[in-house]
Amino acid sequence: MKVPMLSIVFMVLNLLIGILIPLVLAICFKKKYKASLLAFFVGCLVMFVFAFVLEQMVHALVLFVLPFGKAMQSSFWIMAVYGGLMAALFEETGRLLSMRFWLGKKLSDPHNALMYGAGHGGFEAFVILTMGMINNIIYSVCINTGATEILLAPLDEANKQTLQAAFDTLTQTSPLLFLASPIERFAAVTAQIGLSVLVWFAATKVGKMKWYVVALVFHFTLDALAVILSGLGMSIALIEVVVWILALVIAYTAWMVWKKETGALQE
């Protein structure tokens, strides 16, 4: 079997979208609001350090070193709660600390919260869509040109089986499923910008740590619910609808908080 050409086209589309999301957002916020590029790059850095390094180190310890790790992995309910909690704690705490200690005078302009969110969510989109598709495209080309043995030859039997399973998945996956990733990423970036606004006001206004807590709850709910619904067998389309609804709720809440807090500043 071969990978459908339409699947490869959509993989390339994912790769390009992963590049365009942070780039377009950064340009738009810079042009419209004169927002600081420092906030954008701090957002990128925090996502990398807190989500892709520190959080993954904790996962490696909890799930593969500690004695109860295997038991946790056997229950999607536990993994949903654990994964959602860890993602919320690491990302929102990273947001809060970086905003308070790294952005300095940039804190005076709340539009930099939008730019920060563009970096935070945009970097995540780049890793998932762009970096995530590179291997898939390489594998697909090898499958369609009959060159899979080049990749399989140097591997031991266990790794050969794992890679062959990846090949089989690519040949059997409907091309339309590759469109689910960018749809989900647009929702995720919307949520990330909203969460950044909430934490921004927690970081910049005395006595407003409640917005950090609200961001934690929203982030946990979004991540945990997506895993739970998937584990219960809900279709990808319906899960995306739920994710989008939650993302829009987060964005609306952030907008209302923005109006309230900036209005208070003007008074």
C-alpha atoms as a PDB file:
ATOM      1  CA  MET A   1       0.000   0.000   0.000  1.00  0.00           C
ATOM      2  CA  LYS A   2       1.012   3.595  -0.624  1.00  0.00           C
ATOM      3  CA  VAL A   3       0.307   6.820   1.207  1.00  0.00           C
ATOM      4  CA  PRO A   4      -2.381   8.770  -0.683  1.00  0.00           C
ATOM      5  CA  MET A   5      -0.965  11.797  -2.452  1.00  0.00           C
ATOM      6  CA  LEU A   6      -3.673  13.941  -0.862  1.00  0.00           C
ATOM      7  CA  SER A   7      -2.352  12.891   2.561  1.00  0.00           C
ATOM      8  CA  ILE A   8       1.110  14.136   1.629  1.00  0.00           C
ATOM      9  CA  VAL A   9      -0.361  17.396   0.335  1.00  0.00           C
ATOM     10  CA  PHE A  10      -2.140  17.916   3.654  1.00  0.00           C
ATOM     11  CA  MET A  11       1.048  17.049   5.569  1.00  0.00           C
ATOM     12  CA  VAL A  12       2.904  19.757   3.649  1.00  0.00           C
ATOM     13  CA  LEU A  13      -0.001  22.117   4.349  1.00  0.00           C
ATOM     14  CA  ASN A  14       0.317  21.348   8.075  1.00  0.00           C
ATOM     15  CA  LEU A  15       4.033  22.052   7.916  1.00  0.00           C
ATOM     16  CA  LEU A  16       3.448  25.439   6.284  1.00  0.00           C
ATOM     17  CA  ILE A  17       0.625  26.379   8.660  1.00  0.00           C
ATOM     18  CA  GLY A  18       2.898  25.618  11.613  1.00  0.00           C
ATOM     19  CA  ILE A  19       5.343  28.208  10.286  1.00  0.00           C
ATOM     20  CA  LEU A  20       2.712  30.777   9.318  1.00  0.00           C
ATOM     21  CA  ILE A  21       0.746  30.822  12.603  1.00  0.00           C
ATOM     22  CA  PRO A  22       3.468  32.396  14.783  1.00  0.00           C
ATOM     23  CA  LEU A  23       4.841  34.495  11.928  1.00  0.00           C
ATOM     24  CA  VAL A  24       1.506  36.035  10.924  1.00  0.00           C
ATOM     25  CA  LEU A  25       0.433  36.652  14.529  1.00  0.00           C
ATOM     26  CA  ALA A  26       3.726  38.342  15.401  1.00  0.00           C
ATOM     27  CA  ILE A  27       3.531  40.598  12.337  1.00  0.00           C
ATOM     28  CA  CYS A  28      -0.122  41.485  12.965  1.00  0.00           C
ATOM     29  CA  PHE A  29       0.321  42.341  16.647  1.00  0.00           C
ATOM     30  CA  LYS A  30       3.473  44.306  15.917  1.00  0.00           C
ATOM     31  CA  LYS A  31       1.853  46.283  13.129  1.00  0.00           C
ATOM     32  CA  LYS A  32      -1.534  46.911  14.786  1.00  0.00           C
ATOM     33  CA  TYR A  33      -0.563  47.402  18.432  1.00  0.00           C
ATOM     34  CA  LYS A  34       3.187  48.116  18.276  1.00  0.00           C
ATOM     35  CA  ALA A  35       3.528  45.152  20.636  1.00  0.00           C
ATOM     36  CA  SER A  36       7.011  44.097  21.720  1.00  0.00           C
ATOM     37  CA  LEU A  37       8.777  41.278  19.915  1.00  0.00           C
ATOM     38  CA  LEU A  38      10.509  40.555  23.243  1.00  0.00           C
ATOM     39  CA  ALA A  39       7.159  39.333  24.581  1.00  0.00           C
ATOM     40  CA  PHE A  40       6.815  37.052  21.540  1.00  0.00           C
ATOM     41  CA  PHE A  41      10.217  35.447  22.011  1.00  0.00           C
ATOM     42  CA  VAL A  42       9.739  35.125  25.778  1.00  0.00           C
ATOM     43  CA  GLY A  43       6.504  33.268  25.024  1.00  0.00           C
ATOM     44  CA  CYS A  44       8.383  30.931  22.675  1.00  0.00           C
ATOM     45  CA  LEU A  45      11.109  30.350  25.252  1.00  0.00           C
ATOM     46  CA  VAL A  46       8.694  29.615  28.088  1.00  0.00           C
ATOM     47  CA  MET A  47       6.786  27.072  25.995  1.00  0.00           C
ATOM     48  CA  PHE A  48      10.055  25.348  25.103  1.00  0.00           C
ATOM     49  CA  VAL A  49      11.560  25.339  28.611  1.00  0.00           C
ATOM     50  CA  PHE A  50       8.482  24.698  30.729  1.00  0.00           C
ATOM     51  CA  ALA A  51       6.423  22.429  28.418  1.00  0.00           C
ATOM     52  CA  PHE A  52       8.981  20.653  26.260  1.00  0.00           C
ATOM     53  CA  VAL A  53      11.847  20.334  28.753  1.00  0.00           C
ATOM     54  CA  LEU A  54      10.811  20.617  32.409  1.00  0.00           C
ATOM     55  CA  GLU A  55       7.374  19.045  32.047  1.00  0.00           C
ATOM     56  CA  GLN A  56       8.775  16.161  29.994  1.00  0.00           C
ATOM     57  CA  MET A  57      11.425  15.541  32.648  1.00  0.00           C
ATOM     58  CA  VAL A  58       8.674  15.220  35.258  1.00  0.00           C
ATOM     59  CA  HIS A  59       6.729  12.844  32.992  1.00  0.00           C
ATOM     60  CA  ALA A  60       9.824  10.680  32.554  1.00  0.00           C
ATOM     61  CA  LEU A  61      10.267  10.494  36.325  1.00  0.00           C
ATOM     62  CA  VAL A  62       6.634   9.930  37.280  1.00  0.00           C
ATOM     63  CA  LEU A  63       5.616   7.554  34.491  1.00  0.00           C
ATOM     64  CA  PHE A  64       8.778   5.518  33.944  1.00  0.00           C
ATOM     65  CA  VAL A  65      10.799   5.660  37.167  1.00  0.00           C
ATOM     66  CA  LEU A  66       8.372   5.833  40.071  1.00  0.00           C
ATOM     67  CA  PRO A  67       6.730   2.498  40.961  1.00  0.00           C
ATOM     68  CA  PHE A  68       3.157   3.671  40.364  1.00  0.00           C
ATOM     69  CA  GLY A  69       3.909   4.999  36.883  1.00  0.00           C
ATOM     70  CA  LYS A  70       2.783   1.888  35.017  1.00  0.00           C
ATOM     71  CA  ALA A  71      -0.449   1.747  36.982  1.00  0.00           C
ATOM     72  CA  MET A  72      -1.157   5.355  36.057  1.00  0.00           C
ATOM     73  CA  GLN A  73      -0.630   4.646  32.378  1.00  0.00           C
ATOM     74  CA  SER A  74      -3.170   1.832  32.469  1.00  0.00           C
ATOM     75  CA  SER A  75      -6.045   4.254  33.117  1.00  0.00           C
ATOM     76  CA  PHE A  76      -6.891   6.972  30.615  1.00  0.00           C
ATOM     77  CA  TRP A  77      -8.890   8.710  33.359  1.00  0.00           C
ATOM     78  CA  ILE A  78      -5.807   9.055  35.540  1.00  0.00           C
ATOM     79  CA  MET A  79      -3.657  10.068  32.585  1.00  0.00           C
ATOM     80  CA  ALA A  80      -6.186  12.682  31.525  1.00  0.00           C
ATOM     81  CA  VAL A  81      -6.234  14.273  34.983  1.00  0.00           C
ATOM     82  CA  TYR A  82      -2.469  13.956  35.437  1.00  0.00           C
ATOM     83  CA  GLY A  83      -1.636  15.269  31.943  1.00  0.00           C
ATOM     84  CA  GLY A  84      -4.051  18.167  32.177  1.00  0.00           C
ATOM     85  CA  LEU A  85      -2.807  19.122  35.630  1.00  0.00           C
ATOM     86  CA  MET A  86       0.869  19.017  34.661  1.00  0.00           C
ATOM     87  CA  ALA A  87       0.328  21.010  31.459  1.00  0.00           C
ATOM     88  CA  ALA A  88      -1.658  23.660  33.315  1.00  0.00           C
ATOM     89  CA  LEU A  89       0.810  23.964  36.195  1.00  0.00           C
ATOM     90  CA  PHE A  90       3.946  24.146  34.071  1.00  0.00           C
ATOM     91  CA  GLU A  91       2.653  26.440  31.331  1.00  0.00           C
ATOM     92  CA  GLU A  92       0.660  28.853  33.477  1.00  0.00           C
ATOM     93  CA  THR A  93       3.398  29.070  36.116  1.00  0.00           C
ATOM     94  CA  GLY A  94       5.942  29.639  33.370  1.00  0.00           C
ATOM     95  CA  ARG A  95       3.740  32.397  32.022  1.00  0.00           C
ATOM     96  CA  LEU A  96       3.379  34.052  35.410  1.00  0.00           C
ATOM     97  CA  LEU A  97       7.077  33.937  36.318  1.00  0.00           C
ATOM     98  CA  SER A  98       8.302  35.131  32.925  1.00  0.00           C
ATOM     99  CA  MET A  99       5.849  38.008  32.837  1.00  0.00           C
ATOM    100  CA  ARG A 100       6.825  39.170  36.315  1.00  0.00           C
ATOM    101  CA  PHE A 101      10.582  38.792  36.060  1.00  0.00           C
ATOM    102  CA  TRP A 102      11.569  38.928  32.371  1.00  0.00           C
ATOM    103  CA  LEU A 103       9.406  41.544  30.682  1.00  0.00           C
ATOM    104  CA  GLY A 104      10.072  44.544  32.924  1.00  0.00           C
ATOM    105  CA  LYS A 105       8.715  47.776  31.451  1.00  0.00           C
ATOM    106  CA  LYS A 106       6.869  45.824  28.751  1.00  0.00           C
ATOM    107  CA  LEU A 107       4.265  44.952  31.402  1.00  0.00           C
ATOM    108  CA  SER A 108       2.748  48.428  31.119  1.00  0.00           C
ATOM    109  CA  ASP A 109       1.175  47.631  27.735  1.00  0.00           C
ATOM    110  CA  PRO A 110      -1.428  44.821  27.935  1.00  0.00           C
ATOM    111  CA  HIS A 111      -1.198  44.346  24.156  1.00  0.00           C
ATOM    112  CA  ASN A 112       2.077  42.584  24.885  1.00  0.00           C
ATOM    113  CA  ALA A 113      -0.047  39.831  26.451  1.00  0.00           C
ATOM    114  CA  LEU A 114      -1.361  39.139  22.952  1.00  0.00           C
ATOM    115  CA  MET A 115       2.175  39.057  21.578  1.00  0.00           C
ATOM    116  CA  TYR A 116       3.271  36.765  24.398  1.00  0.00           C
ATOM    117  CA  GLY A 117       0.375  34.417  23.621  1.00  0.00           C
ATOM    118  CA  ALA A 118       1.344  34.444  19.946  1.00  0.00           C
ATOM    119  CA  GLY A 119       4.824  33.248  20.903  1.00  0.00           C
ATOM    120  CA  HIS A 120       3.634  30.699  23.464  1.00  0.00           C
ATOM    121  CA  GLY A 121       0.918  29.161  21.304  1.00  0.00           C
ATOM    122  CA  GLY A 122       2.723  29.784  18.030  1.00  0.00           C
ATOM    123  CA  PHE A 123       5.827  27.904  19.102  1.00  0.00           C
ATOM    124  CA  GLU A 124       3.672  24.966  20.187  1.00  0.00           C
ATOM    125  CA  ALA A 125       1.943  25.016  16.779  1.00  0.00           C
ATOM    126  CA  PHE A 126       5.331  25.079  15.038  1.00  0.00           C
ATOM    127  CA  VAL A 127       6.581  22.045  16.974  1.00  0.00           C
ATOM    128  CA  ILE A 128       3.393  20.015  16.522  1.00  0.00           C
ATOM    129  CA  LEU A 129       2.540  20.917  12.940  1.00  0.00           C
ATOM    130  CA  THR A 130       5.882  21.691  11.306  1.00  0.00           C
ATOM    131  CA  MET A 131       8.330  19.517  13.209  1.00  0.00           C
ATOM    132  CA  GLY A 132       5.721  16.791  13.651  1.00  0.00           C
ATOM    133  CA  MET A 133       5.105  16.505   9.919  1.00  0.00           C
ATOM    134  CA  ILE A 134       8.722  16.269   8.785  1.00  0.00           C
ATOM    135  CA  ASN A 135       9.097  12.595   9.707  1.00  0.00           C
ATOM    136  CA  ASN A 136       5.672  11.777   8.285  1.00  0.00           C
ATOM    137  CA  ILE A 137       6.580  13.346   4.944  1.00  0.00           C
ATOM    138  CA  ILE A 138       9.932  11.534   4.835  1.00  0.00           C
ATOM    139  CA  TYR A 139       8.277   8.215   5.714  1.00  0.00           C
ATOM    140  CA  SER A 140       5.547   8.768   3.120  1.00  0.00           C
ATOM    141  CA  VAL A 141       8.044   9.453   0.350  1.00  0.00           C
ATOM    142  CA  CYS A 142      10.022   6.343   1.290  1.00  0.00           C
ATOM    143  CA  ILE A 143       6.856   4.228   1.300  1.00  0.00           C
ATOM    144  CA  ASN A 144       5.688   5.497  -2.083  1.00  0.00           C
ATOM    145  CA  THR A 145       9.118   5.068  -3.679  1.00  0.00           C
ATOM    146  CA  GLY A 146       9.698   1.605  -2.198  1.00  0.00           C
ATOM    147  CA  ALA A 147      12.657   2.786  -0.121  1.00  0.00           C
ATOM    148  CA  THR A 148      11.453   1.751   3.336  1.00  0.00           C
ATOM    149  CA  GLU A 149      14.206  -0.848   3.686  1.00  0.00           C
ATOM    150  CA  ILE A 150      16.727   1.987   3.860  1.00  0.00           C
ATOM    151  CA  LEU A 151      15.099   3.118   7.105  1.00  0.00           C
ATOM    152  CA  LEU A 152      14.402  -0.372   8.460  1.00  0.00           C
ATOM    153  CA  ALA A 153      17.770  -2.021   7.707  1.00  0.00           C
ATOM    154  CA  PRO A 154      19.873  -0.603  10.588  1.00  0.00           C
ATOM    155  CA  LEU A 155      17.206  -1.218  13.259  1.00  0.00           C
ATOM    156  CA  ASP A 156      16.778  -4.126  15.646  1.00  0.00           C
ATOM    157  CA  GLU A 157      13.617  -6.229  15.451  1.00  0.00           C
ATOM    158  CA  ALA A 158      11.665  -4.292  18.078  1.00  0.00           C
ATOM    159  CA  ASN A 159      12.350  -0.929  16.457  1.00  0.00           C
ATOM    160  CA  LYS A 160      11.604  -2.368  13.015  1.00  0.00           C
ATOM    161  CA  GLN A 161       8.157  -3.380  14.222  1.00  0.00           C
ATOM    162  CA  THR A 162       7.563   0.065  15.692  1.00  0.00           C
ATOM    163  CA  LEU A 163       8.589   1.832  12.498  1.00  0.00           C
ATOM    164  CA  GLN A 164       6.608  -0.577  10.343  1.00  0.00           C
ATOM    165  CA  ALA A 165       3.547   0.194  12.458  1.00  0.00           C
ATOM    166  CA  ALA A 166       4.122   3.888  11.723  1.00  0.00           C
ATOM    167  CA  PHE A 167       4.309   3.089   7.997  1.00  0.00           C
ATOM    168  CA  ASP A 168       1.061   1.132   8.203  1.00  0.00           C
ATOM    169  CA  THR A 169      -0.670   3.993  10.011  1.00  0.00           C
ATOM    170  CA  LEU A 170       0.322   6.452   7.284  1.00  0.00           C
ATOM    171  CA  THR A 171      -1.003   4.216   4.514  1.00  0.00           C
ATOM    172  CA  GLN A 172      -4.276   3.522   6.298  1.00  0.00           C
ATOM    173  CA  THR A 173      -5.105   7.007   7.625  1.00  0.00           C
ATOM    174  CA  SER A 174      -7.723   8.986   5.722  1.00  0.00           C
ATOM    175  CA  PRO A 175      -6.257  12.145   4.146  1.00  0.00           C
ATOM    176  CA  LEU A 176      -9.007  14.216   5.765  1.00  0.00           C
ATOM    177  CA  LEU A 177      -7.725  13.330   9.236  1.00  0.00           C
ATOM    178  CA  PHE A 178      -4.589  15.356   8.547  1.00  0.00           C
ATOM    179  CA  LEU A 179      -6.815  18.435   8.389  1.00  0.00           C
ATOM    180  CA  ALA A 180      -7.833  17.908  12.023  1.00  0.00           C
ATOM    181  CA  SER A 181      -4.412  18.979  13.311  1.00  0.00           C
ATOM    182  CA  PRO A 182      -4.431  22.567  11.996  1.00  0.00           C
ATOM    183  CA  ILE A 183      -8.081  23.004  13.025  1.00  0.00           C
ATOM    184  CA  GLU A 184      -7.159  21.906  16.546  1.00  0.00           C
ATOM    185  CA  ARG A 185      -4.068  24.133  16.552  1.00  0.00           C
ATOM    186  CA  PHE A 186      -6.066  27.232  15.622  1.00  0.00           C
ATOM    187  CA  ALA A 187      -8.294  26.521  18.629  1.00  0.00           C
ATOM    188  CA  ALA A 188      -5.261  25.893  20.841  1.00  0.00           C
ATOM    189  CA  VAL A 189      -3.589  29.162  19.811  1.00  0.00           C
ATOM    190  CA  THR A 190      -6.849  31.027  20.466  1.00  0.00           C
ATOM    191  CA  ALA A 191      -6.906  29.498  23.942  1.00  0.00           C
ATOM    192  CA  GLN A 192      -3.207  30.217  24.533  1.00  0.00           C
ATOM    193  CA  ILE A 193      -3.646  33.897  23.729  1.00  0.00           C
ATOM    194  CA  GLY A 194      -6.658  34.073  26.036  1.00  0.00           C
ATOM    195  CA  LEU A 195      -4.779  32.338  28.844  1.00  0.00           C
ATOM    196  CA  SER A 196      -1.866  34.727  28.354  1.00  0.00           C
ATOM    197  CA  VAL A 197      -4.186  37.694  28.811  1.00  0.00           C
ATOM    198  CA  LEU A 198      -5.589  36.238  32.039  1.00  0.00           C
ATOM    199  CA  VAL A 199      -2.142  35.569  33.502  1.00  0.00           C
ATOM    200  CA  TRP A 200      -0.912  38.979  32.301  1.00  0.00           C
ATOM    201  CA  PHE A 201      -3.359  40.730  34.606  1.00  0.00           C
ATOM    202  CA  ALA A 202      -2.460  38.349  37.434  1.00  0.00           C
ATOM    203  CA  ALA A 203       1.191  39.301  36.931  1.00  0.00           C
ATOM    204  CA  THR A 204       0.691  43.045  36.558  1.00  0.00           C
ATOM    205  CA  LYS A 205      -2.032  43.952  39.054  1.00  0.00           C
ATOM    206  CA  VAL A 206      -1.822  43.618  42.831  1.00  0.00           C
ATOM    207  CA  GLY A 207      -4.377  41.254  44.340  1.00  0.00           C
ATOM    208  CA  LYS A 208      -5.389  39.712  41.002  1.00  0.00           C
ATOM    209  CA  MET A 209      -3.865  36.242  41.367  1.00  0.00           C
ATOM    210  CA  LYS A 210      -7.362  34.884  40.870  1.00  0.00           C
ATOM    211  CA  TRP A 211      -6.829  35.254  37.115  1.00  0.00           C
ATOM    212  CA  TYR A 212      -3.845  32.889  37.342  1.00  0.00           C
ATOM    213  CA  VAL A 213      -6.095  30.373  39.095  1.00  0.00           C
ATOM    214  CA  VAL A 214      -8.776  30.844  36.440  1.00  0.00           C
ATOM    215  CA  ALA A 215      -6.160  30.221  33.747  1.00  0.00           C
ATOM    216  CA  LEU A 216      -5.059  27.038  35.556  1.00  0.00           C
ATOM    217  CA  VAL A 217      -8.630  25.737  35.688  1.00  0.00           C
ATOM    218  CA  PHE A 218      -9.311  26.558  32.041  1.00  0.00           C
ATOM    219  CA  HIS A 219      -6.061  24.971  30.849  1.00  0.00           C
ATOM    220  CA  PHE A 220      -6.603  21.828  32.914  1.00  0.00           C
ATOM    221  CA  THR A 221     -10.186  21.470  31.696  1.00  0.00           C
ATOM    222  CA  LEU A 222      -9.248  21.902  28.040  1.00  0.00           C
ATOM    223  CA  ASP A 223      -6.434  19.340  28.083  1.00  0.00           C
ATOM    224  CA  ALA A 224      -8.052  16.782  30.377  1.00  0.00           C
ATOM    225  CA  LEU A 225     -11.432  16.852  28.652  1.00  0.00           C
ATOM    226  CA  ALA A 226      -9.892  16.296  25.212  1.00  0.00           C
ATOM    227  CA  VAL A 227      -8.128  13.152  26.484  1.00  0.00           C
ATOM    228  CA  ILE A 228     -11.227  11.890  28.293  1.00  0.00           C
ATOM    229  CA  LEU A 229     -13.473  12.334  25.253  1.00  0.00           C
ATOM    230  CA  SER A 230     -10.920  10.563  23.061  1.00  0.00           C
ATOM    231  CA  GLY A 231     -10.688   7.711  25.563  1.00  0.00           C
ATOM    232  CA  LEU A 232     -14.478   7.386  25.563  1.00  0.00           C
ATOM    233  CA  GLY A 233     -14.417   6.918  21.808  1.00  0.00           C
ATOM    234  CA  MET A 234     -15.878  10.256  20.707  1.00  0.00           C
ATOM    235  CA  SER A 235     -15.183  11.100  17.072  1.00  0.00           C
ATOM    236  CA  ILE A 236     -12.387  13.514  16.231  1.00  0.00           C
ATOM    237  CA  ALA A 237     -14.896  15.928  14.693  1.00  0.00           C
ATOM    238  CA  LEU A 238     -16.943  16.155  17.894  1.00  0.00           C
ATOM    239  CA  ILE A 239     -13.822  16.513  20.027  1.00  0.00           C
ATOM    240  CA  GLU A 240     -12.717  19.416  17.843  1.00  0.00           C
ATOM    241  CA  VAL A 241     -16.121  21.064  18.345  1.00  0.00           C
ATOM    242  CA  VAL A 242     -15.762  20.747  22.129  1.00  0.00           C
ATOM    243  CA  VAL A 243     -12.183  22.078  22.010  1.00  0.00           C
ATOM    244  CA  TRP A 244     -13.288  25.056  19.928  1.00  0.00           C
ATOM    245  CA  ILE A 245     -16.164  25.829  22.297  1.00  0.00           C
ATOM    246  CA  LEU A 246     -13.794  25.836  25.277  1.00  0.00           C
ATOM    247  CA  ALA A 247     -11.224  27.919  23.385  1.00  0.00           C
ATOM    248  CA  LEU A 248     -13.878  30.510  22.579  1.00  0.00           C
ATOM    249  CA  VAL A 249     -15.059  30.535  26.202  1.00  0.00           C
ATOM    250  CA  ILE A 250     -11.470  31.203  27.287  1.00  0.00           C
ATOM    251  CA  ALA A 251     -11.073  33.958  24.693  1.00  0.00           C
ATOM    252  CA  TYR A 252     -14.372  35.584  25.702  1.00  0.00           C
ATOM    253  CA  THR A 253     -13.451  35.429  29.392  1.00  0.00           C
ATOM    254  CA  ALA A 254     -10.067  36.999  28.633  1.00  0.00           C
ATOM    255  CA  TRP A 255     -11.772  39.768  26.655  1.00  0.00           C
ATOM    256  CA  MET A 256     -14.160  40.522  29.534  1.00  0.00           C
ATOM    257  CA  VAL A 257     -11.265  40.559  32.013  1.00  0.00           C
ATOM    258  CA  TRP A 258      -9.321  42.851  29.666  1.00  0.00           C
ATOM    259  CA  LYS A 259     -12.221  45.298  29.548  1.00  0.00           C
ATOM    260  CA  LYS A 260     -12.638  45.191  33.322  1.00  0.00           C
ATOM    261  CA  GLU A 261      -8.966  45.537  34.245  1.00  0.00           C
ATOM    262  CA  THR A 262      -8.003  48.140  31.644  1.00  0.00           C
ATOM    263  CA  GLY A 263     -11.134  50.096  32.515  1.00  0.00           C
ATOM    264  CA  ALA A 264     -10.055  50.077  36.155  1.00  0.00           C
ATOM    265  CA  LEU A 265      -6.644  51.365  35.118  1.00  0.00           C
ATOM    266  CA  GLN A 266      -8.184  54.250  33.183  1.00  0.00           C
ATOM    267  CA  GLU A 267     -10.305  55.315  36.134  1.00  0.00           C
END
